[in-house]
Every structure is written in C-alpha cells, then in structure tokens.
Amino acid sequence: MQQNNVRKIRESLLMSKAELARKAGLSALTIDRVENGMECRMDTKRKILLALGMAISDKIKIFP
C-alpha cells in the first residue's frame, strides 16, 4: 500500500470518482483502488495526473 493524495486533490477540485475515471479513461474501480493506496502502473498515474489538470512534473505532489 502506498499513500497518495489522489482523493484529496480530486475532492479539492469538486470532482467525483466517476468524473475522474471518465476524464482519465480508467474505471471508477481503478480510481477507488488507487485512492485506497494500491499499487498502480506508471501509465495509470500519468492518466490520473493529466485528468486532474496537472503536469507530469507534479507527480511528487500526488504520488510521493
């Protein structure tokens, strides 16, 4: 399990899990798993970052 800030950032943007999933091209289940600290692929992290409107260089803010 790895701690991340996906849920905190998503909620600060007033975005639902379903909306983030749709923007990222991922399933809501995947978003739920990532928010709960499960490991995910680098490609999944990239999709989430971009869907949150962040740059790839902001990765450390979400996935420390």
C-alpha atoms as a PDB file:
ATOM      1  CA  MET A   1       0.000   0.000   0.000  1.00  0.00           C
ATOM      2  CA  GLN A   2       1.330   3.405  -0.902  1.00  0.00           C
ATOM      3  CA  GLN A   3      -0.090   6.621   0.450  1.00  0.00           C
ATOM      4  CA  ASN A   4      -1.082   9.190  -2.176  1.00  0.00           C
ATOM      5  CA  ASN A   5      -3.054  12.421  -2.458  1.00  0.00           C
ATOM      6  CA  VAL A   6      -5.397  11.491  -5.308  1.00  0.00           C
ATOM      7  CA  ARG A   7      -8.577  11.682  -3.195  1.00  0.00           C
ATOM      8  CA  LYS A   8      -7.552  14.973  -1.542  1.00  0.00           C
ATOM      9  CA  ILE A   9      -6.767  16.658  -4.882  1.00  0.00           C
ATOM     10  CA  ARG A  10      -9.875  15.224  -6.565  1.00  0.00           C
ATOM     11  CA  GLU A  11     -12.130  16.465  -3.772  1.00  0.00           C
ATOM     12  CA  SER A  12     -10.467  19.899  -3.770  1.00  0.00           C
ATOM     13  CA  LEU A  13     -11.456  20.134  -7.451  1.00  0.00           C
ATOM     14  CA  LEU A  14     -15.044  19.096  -6.530  1.00  0.00           C
ATOM     15  CA  MET A  15     -14.695  16.132  -8.872  1.00  0.00           C
ATOM     16  CA  SER A  16     -16.433  12.793  -8.371  1.00  0.00           C
ATOM     17  CA  LYS A  17     -14.625   9.468  -8.741  1.00  0.00           C
ATOM     18  CA  ALA A  18     -16.754   8.739 -11.798  1.00  0.00           C
ATOM     19  CA  GLU A  19     -15.807  12.064 -13.391  1.00  0.00           C
ATOM     20  CA  LEU A  20     -12.093  11.494 -12.748  1.00  0.00           C
ATOM     21  CA  ALA A  21     -12.390   7.968 -14.133  1.00  0.00           C
ATOM     22  CA  ARG A  22     -14.101   9.234 -17.288  1.00  0.00           C
ATOM     23  CA  LYS A  23     -11.534  12.015 -17.848  1.00  0.00           C
ATOM     24  CA  ALA A  24      -8.646   9.629 -17.246  1.00  0.00           C
ATOM     25  CA  GLY A  25     -10.079   6.835 -19.384  1.00  0.00           C
ATOM     26  CA  LEU A  26      -9.988   4.465 -16.412  1.00  0.00           C
ATOM     27  CA  SER A  27     -12.645   2.575 -14.464  1.00  0.00           C
ATOM     28  CA  ALA A  28     -14.115   4.002 -11.257  1.00  0.00           C
ATOM     29  CA  LEU A  29     -12.910   0.804  -9.579  1.00  0.00           C
ATOM     30  CA  THR A  30      -9.323   1.626 -10.599  1.00  0.00           C
ATOM     31  CA  ILE A  31      -9.659   5.146  -9.172  1.00  0.00           C
ATOM     32  CA  ASP A  32     -11.042   3.658  -5.948  1.00  0.00           C
ATOM     33  CA  ARG A  33      -8.126   1.228  -5.698  1.00  0.00           C
ATOM     34  CA  VAL A  34      -5.541   3.965  -6.332  1.00  0.00           C
ATOM     35  CA  GLU A  35      -7.166   6.249  -3.737  1.00  0.00           C
ATOM     36  CA  ASN A  36      -7.019   3.387  -1.244  1.00  0.00           C
ATOM     37  CA  GLY A  37      -3.263   3.108  -1.758  1.00  0.00           C
ATOM     38  CA  MET A  38      -2.987   0.089  -4.016  1.00  0.00           C
ATOM     39  CA  GLU A  39      -0.074  -0.065  -6.450  1.00  0.00           C
ATOM     40  CA  CYS A  40      -0.751   1.093  -9.999  1.00  0.00           C
ATOM     41  CA  ARG A  41       1.161   1.285 -13.262  1.00  0.00           C
ATOM     42  CA  MET A  42       3.077   4.392 -14.307  1.00  0.00           C
ATOM     43  CA  ASP A  43       0.642   4.798 -17.227  1.00  0.00           C
ATOM     44  CA  THR A  44      -2.284   4.885 -14.784  1.00  0.00           C
ATOM     45  CA  LYS A  45      -0.540   7.559 -12.698  1.00  0.00           C
ATOM     46  CA  ARG A  46       0.062   9.607 -15.853  1.00  0.00           C
ATOM     47  CA  LYS A  47      -3.606   9.385 -16.863  1.00  0.00           C
ATOM     48  CA  ILE A  48      -4.734  10.451 -13.376  1.00  0.00           C
ATOM     49  CA  LEU A  49      -2.305  13.395 -13.292  1.00  0.00           C
ATOM     50  CA  LEU A  50      -3.481  14.681 -16.662  1.00  0.00           C
ATOM     51  CA  ALA A  51      -7.159  14.175 -15.783  1.00  0.00           C
ATOM     52  CA  LEU A  52      -6.618  16.278 -12.635  1.00  0.00           C
ATOM     53  CA  GLY A  53      -5.205  19.042 -14.838  1.00  0.00           C
ATOM     54  CA  MET A  54      -1.689  18.632 -13.513  1.00  0.00           C
ATOM     55  CA  ALA A  55       1.634  18.336 -15.294  1.00  0.00           C
ATOM     56  CA  ILE A  56       3.642  15.121 -15.233  1.00  0.00           C
ATOM     57  CA  SER A  57       6.266  17.069 -13.246  1.00  0.00           C
ATOM     58  CA  ASP A  58       3.670  17.482 -10.450  1.00  0.00           C
ATOM     59  CA  LYS A  59       3.795  13.706  -9.858  1.00  0.00           C
ATOM     60  CA  ILE A  60       5.572  14.093  -6.500  1.00  0.00           C
ATOM     61  CA  LYS A  61       2.646  16.179  -5.157  1.00  0.00           C
ATOM     62  CA  ILE A  62       0.205  13.322  -5.723  1.00  0.00           C
ATOM     63  CA  PHE A  63       2.348  10.175  -5.602  1.00  0.00           C
ATOM     64  CA  PRO A  64       5.098  10.902  -3.032  1.00  0.00           C
END
